[in-house]
Amino acid sequence: MRPNSKPLEPAPLPDVTAAAGAEAWSSMVYIRPVLVADLPLDLQREAEGIETLYSMHRPDGARVALVADRGLAFALAREHDMAPVFVH
């Protein structure tokens, strides 16, 4: 740093209102792998030959969907204006 120079100040963060934060929260979806063996029997029968599915959950824990592929889960979330986050 040169003499008499001040360090750069960080840029101010944008103001986020409570409504905008709530909207972002409601559009978030968590994607995680699920073993088919851990699912109810009726779902196990439908997933014949597949060992792992990908579950999509809202922040409140409600399951939105089960899909066979991680990439498909992300694409499906984005197609429905959701913000996907992978968790394990």
PDB file of N, CA and C in Angstrom:
ATOM      1  N   MET A   1       0.844  -1.168   0.000  1.00  0.00           N
ATOM      2  CA  MET A   1       0.000   0.000   0.000  1.00  0.00           C
ATOM      3  C   MET A   1       0.896   1.240   0.000  1.00  0.00           C
ATOM      4  N   ARG A   2       0.521   2.220  -0.764  1.00  0.00           N
ATOM      5  CA  ARG A   2       1.299   3.452  -0.813  1.00  0.00           C
ATOM      6  C   ARG A   2       1.041   4.273   0.436  1.00  0.00           C
ATOM      7  N   PRO A   3       2.015   5.095   0.826  1.00  0.00           N
ATOM      8  CA  PRO A   3       1.775   5.977   1.973  1.00  0.00           C
ATOM      9  C   PRO A   3       0.585   6.888   1.698  1.00  0.00           C
ATOM     10  N   ASN A   4      -0.156   7.203   2.722  1.00  0.00           N
ATOM     11  CA  ASN A   4      -1.330   8.083   2.647  1.00  0.00           C
ATOM     12  C   ASN A   4      -2.492   7.490   1.844  1.00  0.00           C
ATOM     13  N   SER A   5      -2.416   6.209   1.487  1.00  0.00           N
ATOM     14  CA  SER A   5      -3.561   5.628   0.782  1.00  0.00           C
ATOM     15  C   SER A   5      -4.402   4.835   1.771  1.00  0.00           C
ATOM     16  N   LYS A   6      -5.683   4.834   1.537  1.00  0.00           N
ATOM     17  CA  LYS A   6      -6.599   4.148   2.433  1.00  0.00           C
ATOM     18  C   LYS A   6      -6.958   2.793   1.823  1.00  0.00           C
ATOM     19  N   PRO A   7      -7.189   1.795   2.670  1.00  0.00           N
ATOM     20  CA  PRO A   7      -7.633   0.513   2.116  1.00  0.00           C
ATOM     21  C   PRO A   7      -9.016   0.668   1.484  1.00  0.00           C
ATOM     22  N   LEU A   8      -9.295  -0.159   0.510  1.00  0.00           N
ATOM     23  CA  LEU A   8     -10.596  -0.103  -0.150  1.00  0.00           C
ATOM     24  C   LEU A   8     -11.691  -0.526   0.816  1.00  0.00           C
ATOM     25  N   GLU A   9     -12.766   0.194   0.778  1.00  0.00           N
ATOM     26  CA  GLU A   9     -13.928  -0.140   1.590  1.00  0.00           C
ATOM     27  C   GLU A   9     -14.756  -1.176   0.830  1.00  0.00           C
ATOM     28  N   PRO A  10     -15.325  -2.137   1.533  1.00  0.00           N
ATOM     29  CA  PRO A  10     -16.182  -3.090   0.825  1.00  0.00           C
ATOM     30  C   PRO A  10     -17.425  -2.394   0.284  1.00  0.00           C
ATOM     31  N   ALA A  11     -17.907  -2.888  -0.841  1.00  0.00           N
ATOM     32  CA  ALA A  11     -19.116  -2.316  -1.431  1.00  0.00           C
ATOM     33  C   ALA A  11     -20.293  -2.575  -0.507  1.00  0.00           C
ATOM     34  N   PRO A  12     -21.195  -1.621  -0.391  1.00  0.00           N
ATOM     35  CA  PRO A  12     -22.365  -1.838   0.473  1.00  0.00           C
ATOM     36  C   PRO A  12     -23.234  -2.950  -0.080  1.00  0.00           C
ATOM     37  N   LEU A  13     -23.826  -3.731   0.809  1.00  0.00           N
ATOM     38  CA  LEU A  13     -24.730  -4.790   0.394  1.00  0.00           C
ATOM     39  C   LEU A  13     -26.069  -4.186   0.019  1.00  0.00           C
ATOM     40  N   PRO A  14     -26.747  -4.806  -0.970  1.00  0.00           N
ATOM     41  CA  PRO A  14     -28.061  -4.271  -1.336  1.00  0.00           C
ATOM     42  C   PRO A  14     -29.045  -4.448  -0.192  1.00  0.00           C
ATOM     43  N   ASP A  15     -29.971  -3.507  -0.087  1.00  0.00           N
ATOM     44  CA  ASP A  15     -30.995  -3.568   0.952  1.00  0.00           C
ATOM     45  C   ASP A  15     -32.015  -4.640   0.573  1.00  0.00           C
ATOM     46  N   VAL A  16     -32.193  -5.626   1.443  1.00  0.00           N
ATOM     47  CA  VAL A  16     -33.153  -6.694   1.182  1.00  0.00           C
ATOM     48  C   VAL A  16     -34.304  -6.536   2.163  1.00  0.00           C
ATOM     49  N   THR A  17     -35.480  -6.390   1.636  1.00  0.00           N
ATOM     50  CA  THR A  17     -36.641  -6.236   2.508  1.00  0.00           C
ATOM     51  C   THR A  17     -37.097  -7.593   3.020  1.00  0.00           C
ATOM     52  N   ALA A  18     -37.890  -7.601   4.047  1.00  0.00           N
ATOM     53  CA  ALA A  18     -38.401  -8.856   4.607  1.00  0.00           C
ATOM     54  C   ALA A  18     -39.215  -9.609   3.563  1.00  0.00           C
ATOM     55  N   ALA A  19     -39.970  -8.890   2.755  1.00  0.00           N
ATOM     56  CA  ALA A  19     -40.782  -9.551   1.726  1.00  0.00           C
ATOM     57  C   ALA A  19     -39.903 -10.247   0.705  1.00  0.00           C
ATOM     58  N   ALA A  20     -38.833  -9.594   0.291  1.00  0.00           N
ATOM     59  CA  ALA A  20     -37.930 -10.206  -0.684  1.00  0.00           C
ATOM     60  C   ALA A  20     -37.252 -11.427  -0.080  1.00  0.00           C
ATOM     61  N   GLY A  21     -36.891 -11.342   1.182  1.00  0.00           N
ATOM     62  CA  GLY A  21     -36.283 -12.489   1.845  1.00  0.00           C
ATOM     63  C   GLY A  21     -37.243 -13.649   1.958  1.00  0.00           C
ATOM     64  N   ALA A  22     -38.491 -13.371   2.254  1.00  0.00           N
ATOM     65  CA  ALA A  22     -39.506 -14.418   2.351  1.00  0.00           C
ATOM     66  C   ALA A  22     -39.746 -15.060   0.996  1.00  0.00           C
ATOM     67  N   GLU A  23     -39.734 -14.251  -0.057  1.00  0.00           N
ATOM     68  CA  GLU A  23     -39.931 -14.790  -1.398  1.00  0.00           C
ATOM     69  C   GLU A  23     -38.778 -15.717  -1.780  1.00  0.00           C
ATOM     70  N   ALA A  24     -37.554 -15.310  -1.478  1.00  0.00           N
ATOM     71  CA  ALA A  24     -36.391 -16.144  -1.781  1.00  0.00           C
ATOM     72  C   ALA A  24     -36.465 -17.447  -1.007  1.00  0.00           C
ATOM     73  N   TRP A  25     -36.873 -17.370   0.252  1.00  0.00           N
ATOM     74  CA  TRP A  25     -36.991 -18.572   1.089  1.00  0.00           C
ATOM     75  C   TRP A  25     -38.031 -19.518   0.510  1.00  0.00           C
ATOM     76  N   SER A  26     -39.170 -18.979   0.077  1.00  0.00           N
ATOM     77  CA  SER A  26     -40.245 -19.834  -0.415  1.00  0.00           C
ATOM     78  C   SER A  26     -39.904 -20.472  -1.750  1.00  0.00           C
ATOM     79  N   SER A  27     -38.977 -19.910  -2.508  1.00  0.00           N
ATOM     80  CA  SER A  27     -38.624 -20.490  -3.804  1.00  0.00           C
ATOM     81  C   SER A  27     -37.428 -21.441  -3.704  1.00  0.00           C
ATOM     82  N   MET A  28     -36.851 -21.592  -2.527  1.00  0.00           N
ATOM     83  CA  MET A  28     -35.703 -22.472  -2.354  1.00  0.00           C
ATOM     84  C   MET A  28     -36.178 -23.918  -2.269  1.00  0.00           C
ATOM     85  N   VAL A  29     -35.402 -24.816  -2.849  1.00  0.00           N
ATOM     86  CA  VAL A  29     -35.689 -26.237  -2.771  1.00  0.00           C
ATOM     87  C   VAL A  29     -34.374 -26.975  -2.519  1.00  0.00           C
ATOM     88  N   TYR A  30     -34.414 -27.908  -1.583  1.00  0.00           N
ATOM     89  CA  TYR A  30     -33.226 -28.697  -1.253  1.00  0.00           C
ATOM     90  C   TYR A  30     -33.275 -30.013  -2.004  1.00  0.00           C
ATOM     91  N   ILE A  31     -32.154 -30.398  -2.582  1.00  0.00           N
ATOM     92  CA  ILE A  31     -32.057 -31.640  -3.334  1.00  0.00           C
ATOM     93  C   ILE A  31     -31.059 -32.538  -2.626  1.00  0.00           C
ATOM     94  N   ARG A  32     -31.492 -33.783  -2.339  1.00  0.00           N
ATOM     95  CA  ARG A  32     -30.605 -34.705  -1.652  1.00  0.00           C
ATOM     96  C   ARG A  32     -30.825 -36.113  -2.162  1.00  0.00           C
ATOM     97  N   PRO A  33     -29.773 -36.941  -2.134  1.00  0.00           N
ATOM     98  CA  PRO A  33     -29.927 -38.332  -2.555  1.00  0.00           C
ATOM     99  C   PRO A  33     -30.700 -39.123  -1.502  1.00  0.00           C
ATOM    100  N   VAL A  34     -31.507 -40.061  -1.970  1.00  0.00           N
ATOM    101  CA  VAL A  34     -32.306 -40.921  -1.096  1.00  0.00           C
ATOM    102  C   VAL A  34     -32.169 -42.351  -1.598  1.00  0.00           C
ATOM    103  N   LEU A  35     -31.855 -43.274  -0.699  1.00  0.00           N
ATOM    104  CA  LEU A  35     -31.803 -44.681  -1.080  1.00  0.00           C
ATOM    105  C   LEU A  35     -33.218 -45.192  -1.303  1.00  0.00           C
ATOM    106  N   VAL A  36     -33.434 -45.865  -2.413  1.00  0.00           N
ATOM    107  CA  VAL A  36     -34.756 -46.405  -2.710  1.00  0.00           C
ATOM    108  C   VAL A  36     -35.184 -47.362  -1.602  1.00  0.00           C
ATOM    109  N   ALA A  37     -34.256 -48.095  -1.031  1.00  0.00           N
ATOM    110  CA  ALA A  37     -34.565 -49.042   0.045  1.00  0.00           C
ATOM    111  C   ALA A  37     -35.158 -48.352   1.274  1.00  0.00           C
ATOM    112  N   ASP A  38     -34.938 -47.050   1.431  1.00  0.00           N
ATOM    113  CA  ASP A  38     -35.469 -46.306   2.578  1.00  0.00           C
ATOM    114  C   ASP A  38     -36.865 -45.732   2.319  1.00  0.00           C
ATOM    115  N   LEU A  39     -37.380 -45.911   1.119  1.00  0.00           N
ATOM    116  CA  LEU A  39     -38.695 -45.370   0.754  1.00  0.00           C
ATOM    117  C   LEU A  39     -39.792 -46.391   1.041  1.00  0.00           C
ATOM    118  N   PRO A  40     -41.049 -45.939   1.115  1.00  0.00           N
ATOM    119  CA  PRO A  40     -42.167 -46.869   1.272  1.00  0.00           C
ATOM    120  C   PRO A  40     -42.194 -47.894   0.128  1.00  0.00           C
ATOM    121  N   LEU A  41     -42.765 -49.071   0.396  1.00  0.00           N
ATOM    122  CA  LEU A  41     -42.762 -50.164  -0.578  1.00  0.00           C
ATOM    123  C   LEU A  41     -43.370 -49.791  -1.925  1.00  0.00           C
ATOM    124  N   ASP A  42     -44.454 -49.019  -1.926  1.00  0.00           N
ATOM    125  CA  ASP A  42     -45.067 -48.651  -3.206  1.00  0.00           C
ATOM    126  C   ASP A  42     -44.107 -47.835  -4.070  1.00  0.00           C
ATOM    127  N   LEU A  43     -43.326 -46.961  -3.460  1.00  0.00           N
ATOM    128  CA  LEU A  43     -42.343 -46.180  -4.220  1.00  0.00           C
ATOM    129  C   LEU A  43     -41.164 -47.050  -4.640  1.00  0.00           C
ATOM    130  N   GLN A  44     -40.797 -48.022  -3.807  1.00  0.00           N
ATOM    131  CA  GLN A  44     -39.717 -48.945  -4.170  1.00  0.00           C
ATOM    132  C   GLN A  44     -40.089 -49.727  -5.428  1.00  0.00           C
ATOM    133  N   ARG A  45     -41.330 -50.147  -5.524  1.00  0.00           N
ATOM    134  CA  ARG A  45     -41.783 -50.903  -6.705  1.00  0.00           C
ATOM    135  C   ARG A  45     -41.712 -50.032  -7.962  1.00  0.00           C
ATOM    136  N   GLU A  46     -42.086 -48.772  -7.829  1.00  0.00           N
ATOM    137  CA  GLU A  46     -42.046 -47.862  -8.984  1.00  0.00           C
ATOM    138  C   GLU A  46     -40.618 -47.578  -9.436  1.00  0.00           C
ATOM    139  N   ALA A  47     -39.657 -47.658  -8.519  1.00  0.00           N
ATOM    140  CA  ALA A  47     -38.263 -47.334  -8.827  1.00  0.00           C
ATOM    141  C   ALA A  47     -37.446 -48.597  -9.107  1.00  0.00           C
ATOM    142  N   GLU A  48     -38.095 -49.619  -9.604  1.00  0.00           N
ATOM    143  CA  GLU A  48     -37.431 -50.899  -9.859  1.00  0.00           C
ATOM    144  C   GLU A  48     -36.142 -50.709 -10.671  1.00  0.00           C
ATOM    145  N   GLY A  49     -35.057 -51.286 -10.160  1.00  0.00           N
ATOM    146  CA  GLY A  49     -33.768 -51.214 -10.845  1.00  0.00           C
ATOM    147  C   GLY A  49     -32.941 -49.980 -10.509  1.00  0.00           C
ATOM    148  N   ILE A  50     -33.478 -49.064  -9.731  1.00  0.00           N
ATOM    149  CA  ILE A  50     -32.760 -47.846  -9.350  1.00  0.00           C
ATOM    150  C   ILE A  50     -32.408 -47.950  -7.871  1.00  0.00           C
ATOM    151  N   GLU A  51     -31.175 -47.622  -7.517  1.00  0.00           N
ATOM    152  CA  GLU A  51     -30.754 -47.679  -6.115  1.00  0.00           C
ATOM    153  C   GLU A  51     -30.919 -46.354  -5.390  1.00  0.00           C
ATOM    154  N   THR A  52     -30.691 -45.239  -6.119  1.00  0.00           N
ATOM    155  CA  THR A  52     -30.737 -43.908  -5.510  1.00  0.00           C
ATOM    156  C   THR A  52     -31.633 -42.992  -6.321  1.00  0.00           C
ATOM    157  N   LEU A  53     -32.505 -42.287  -5.640  1.00  0.00           N
ATOM    158  CA  LEU A  53     -33.309 -41.230  -6.247  1.00  0.00           C
ATOM    159  C   LEU A  53     -32.881 -39.902  -5.637  1.00  0.00           C
ATOM    160  N   TYR A  54     -33.347 -38.814  -6.226  1.00  0.00           N
ATOM    161  CA  TYR A  54     -33.045 -37.484  -5.691  1.00  0.00           C
ATOM    162  C   TYR A  54     -34.351 -36.839  -5.268  1.00  0.00           C
ATOM    163  N   SER A  55     -34.405 -36.490  -3.995  1.00  0.00           N
ATOM    164  CA  SER A  55     -35.591 -35.911  -3.395  1.00  0.00           C
ATOM    165  C   SER A  55     -35.468 -34.397  -3.380  1.00  0.00           C
ATOM    166  N   MET A  56     -36.556 -33.726  -3.734  1.00  0.00           N
ATOM    167  CA  MET A  56     -36.611 -32.269  -3.692  1.00  0.00           C
ATOM    168  C   MET A  56     -37.536 -31.889  -2.546  1.00  0.00           C
ATOM    169  N   HIS A  57     -37.037 -31.064  -1.621  1.00  0.00           N
ATOM    170  CA  HIS A  57     -37.800 -30.644  -0.441  1.00  0.00           C
ATOM    171  C   HIS A  57     -37.850 -29.133  -0.337  1.00  0.00           C
ATOM    172  N   ARG A  58     -38.992 -28.621   0.125  1.00  0.00           N
ATOM    173  CA  ARG A  58     -39.092 -27.200   0.470  1.00  0.00           C
ATOM    174  C   ARG A  58     -38.379 -26.992   1.799  1.00  0.00           C
ATOM    175  N   PRO A  59     -38.072 -25.760   2.163  1.00  0.00           N
ATOM    176  CA  PRO A  59     -37.401 -25.494   3.446  1.00  0.00           C
ATOM    177  C   PRO A  59     -38.173 -26.005   4.663  1.00  0.00           C
ATOM    178  N   ASP A  60     -39.496 -26.143   4.547  1.00  0.00           N
ATOM    179  CA  ASP A  60     -40.265 -26.661   5.690  1.00  0.00           C
ATOM    180  C   ASP A  60     -40.216 -28.186   5.784  1.00  0.00           C
ATOM    181  N   GLY A  61     -39.503 -28.840   4.850  1.00  0.00           N
ATOM    182  CA  GLY A  61     -39.335 -30.288   4.890  1.00  0.00           C
ATOM    183  C   GLY A  61     -40.294 -31.054   4.006  1.00  0.00           C
ATOM    184  N   ALA A  62     -41.291 -30.405   3.443  1.00  0.00           N
ATOM    185  CA  ALA A  62     -42.256 -31.088   2.587  1.00  0.00           C
ATOM    186  C   ALA A  62     -41.587 -31.532   1.281  1.00  0.00           C
ATOM    187  N   ARG A  63     -41.788 -32.795   0.928  1.00  0.00           N
ATOM    188  CA  ARG A  63     -41.215 -33.311  -0.321  1.00  0.00           C
ATOM    189  C   ARG A  63     -42.002 -32.770  -1.497  1.00  0.00           C
ATOM    190  N   VAL A  64     -41.284 -32.256  -2.484  1.00  0.00           N
ATOM    191  CA  VAL A  64     -41.894 -31.700  -3.682  1.00  0.00           C
ATOM    192  C   VAL A  64     -41.895 -32.745  -4.795  1.00  0.00           C
ATOM    193  N   ALA A  65     -40.792 -33.498  -4.915  1.00  0.00           N
ATOM    194  CA  ALA A  65     -40.681 -34.486  -5.996  1.00  0.00           C
ATOM    195  C   ALA A  65     -39.571 -35.485  -5.692  1.00  0.00           C
ATOM    196  N   LEU A  66     -39.640 -36.608  -6.370  1.00  0.00           N
ATOM    197  CA  LEU A  66     -38.567 -37.599  -6.393  1.00  0.00           C
ATOM    198  C   LEU A  66     -38.216 -37.820  -7.855  1.00  0.00           C
ATOM    199  N   VAL A  67     -36.943 -37.714  -8.181  1.00  0.00           N
ATOM    200  CA  VAL A  67     -36.513 -37.931  -9.566  1.00  0.00           C
ATOM    201  C   VAL A  67     -35.307 -38.861  -9.591  1.00  0.00           C
ATOM    202  N   ALA A  68     -35.050 -39.449 -10.747  1.00  0.00           N
ATOM    203  CA  ALA A  68     -34.009 -40.459 -10.867  1.00  0.00           C
ATOM    204  C   ALA A  68     -32.608 -39.900 -11.074  1.00  0.00           C
ATOM    205  N   ASP A  69     -32.487 -38.605 -11.336  1.00  0.00           N
ATOM    206  CA  ASP A  69     -31.192 -38.043 -11.721  1.00  0.00           C
ATOM    207  C   ASP A  69     -30.981 -36.686 -11.056  1.00  0.00           C
ATOM    208  N   ARG A  70     -29.770 -36.465 -10.552  1.00  0.00           N
ATOM    209  CA  ARG A  70     -29.454 -35.196  -9.875  1.00  0.00           C
ATOM    210  C   ARG A  70     -29.612 -34.002 -10.820  1.00  0.00           C
ATOM    211  N   GLY A  71     -29.112 -34.151 -12.031  1.00  0.00           N
ATOM    212  CA  GLY A  71     -29.225 -33.068 -13.009  1.00  0.00           C
ATOM    213  C   GLY A  71     -30.669 -32.744 -13.340  1.00  0.00           C
ATOM    214  N   LEU A  72     -31.492 -33.784 -13.431  1.00  0.00           N
ATOM    215  CA  LEU A  72     -32.911 -33.584 -13.695  1.00  0.00           C
ATOM    216  C   LEU A  72     -33.571 -32.847 -12.542  1.00  0.00           C
ATOM    217  N   ALA A  73     -33.178 -33.149 -11.326  1.00  0.00           N
ATOM    218  CA  ALA A  73     -33.731 -32.466 -10.154  1.00  0.00           C
ATOM    219  C   ALA A  73     -33.443 -30.968 -10.225  1.00  0.00           C
ATOM    220  N   PHE A  74     -32.204 -30.604 -10.576  1.00  0.00           N
ATOM    221  CA  PHE A  74     -31.848 -29.187 -10.682  1.00  0.00           C
ATOM    222  C   PHE A  74     -32.603 -28.521 -11.832  1.00  0.00           C
ATOM    223  N   ALA A  75     -32.697 -29.215 -12.970  1.00  0.00           N
ATOM    224  CA  ALA A  75     -33.401 -28.651 -14.120  1.00  0.00           C
ATOM    225  C   ALA A  75     -34.885 -28.454 -13.801  1.00  0.00           C
ATOM    226  N   LEU A  76     -35.483 -29.438 -13.140  1.00  0.00           N
ATOM    227  CA  LEU A  76     -36.888 -29.349 -12.771  1.00  0.00           C
ATOM    228  C   LEU A  76     -37.136 -28.179 -11.816  1.00  0.00           C
ATOM    229  N   ALA A  77     -36.256 -28.022 -10.844  1.00  0.00           N
ATOM    230  CA  ALA A  77     -36.394 -26.911  -9.900  1.00  0.00           C
ATOM    231  C   ALA A  77     -36.320 -25.574 -10.618  1.00  0.00           C
ATOM    232  N   ARG A  78     -35.330 -25.413 -11.480  1.00  0.00           N
ATOM    233  CA  ARG A  78     -35.170 -24.137 -12.193  1.00  0.00           C
ATOM    234  C   ARG A  78     -36.327 -23.876 -13.146  1.00  0.00           C
ATOM    235  N   GLU A  79     -36.839 -24.941 -13.772  1.00  0.00           N
ATOM    236  CA  GLU A  79     -37.969 -24.792 -14.688  1.00  0.00           C
ATOM    237  C   GLU A  79     -39.196 -24.244 -13.961  1.00  0.00           C
ATOM    238  N   HIS A  80     -39.288 -24.537 -12.668  1.00  0.00           N
ATOM    239  CA  HIS A  80     -40.418 -24.064 -11.869  1.00  0.00           C
ATOM    240  C   HIS A  80     -40.046 -22.876 -10.981  1.00  0.00           C
ATOM    241  N   ASP A  81     -39.021 -22.135 -11.401  1.00  0.00           N
ATOM    242  CA  ASP A  81     -38.589 -20.905 -10.738  1.00  0.00           C
ATOM    243  C   ASP A  81     -38.209 -21.124  -9.284  1.00  0.00           C
ATOM    244  N   MET A  82     -37.588 -22.270  -8.999  1.00  0.00           N
ATOM    245  CA  MET A  82     -37.089 -22.553  -7.651  1.00  0.00           C
ATOM    246  C   MET A  82     -35.573 -22.440  -7.661  1.00  0.00           C
ATOM    247  N   ALA A  83     -35.013 -22.172  -6.493  1.00  0.00           N
ATOM    248  CA  ALA A  83     -33.563 -22.066  -6.346  1.00  0.00           C
ATOM    249  C   ALA A  83     -33.054 -23.362  -5.699  1.00  0.00           C
ATOM    250  N   PRO A  84     -32.478 -24.281  -6.504  1.00  0.00           N
ATOM    251  CA  PRO A  84     -32.049 -25.560  -5.948  1.00  0.00           C
ATOM    252  C   PRO A  84     -30.742 -25.462  -5.191  1.00  0.00           C
ATOM    253  N   VAL A  85     -30.665 -26.231  -4.072  1.00  0.00           N
ATOM    254  CA  VAL A  85     -29.463 -26.312  -3.250  1.00  0.00           C
ATOM    255  C   VAL A  85     -29.232 -27.787  -2.953  1.00  0.00           C
ATOM    256  N   PHE A  86     -28.029 -28.302  -3.240  1.00  0.00           N
ATOM    257  CA  PHE A  86     -27.738 -29.709  -2.981  1.00  0.00           C
ATOM    258  C   PHE A  86     -27.298 -29.887  -1.535  1.00  0.00           C
ATOM    259  N   VAL A  87     -27.874 -30.854  -0.859  1.00  0.00           N
ATOM    260  CA  VAL A  87     -27.478 -31.191   0.510  1.00  0.00           C
ATOM    261  C   VAL A  87     -27.230 -32.692   0.560  1.00  0.00           C
ATOM    262  N   HIS A  88     -26.433 -33.089   1.529  1.00  0.00           N
ATOM    263  CA  HIS A  88     -26.155 -34.536   1.659  1.00  0.00           C
ATOM    264  C   HIS A  88     -26.259 -34.972   3.087  1.00  0.00           C
TER     265      HIS A  88
END
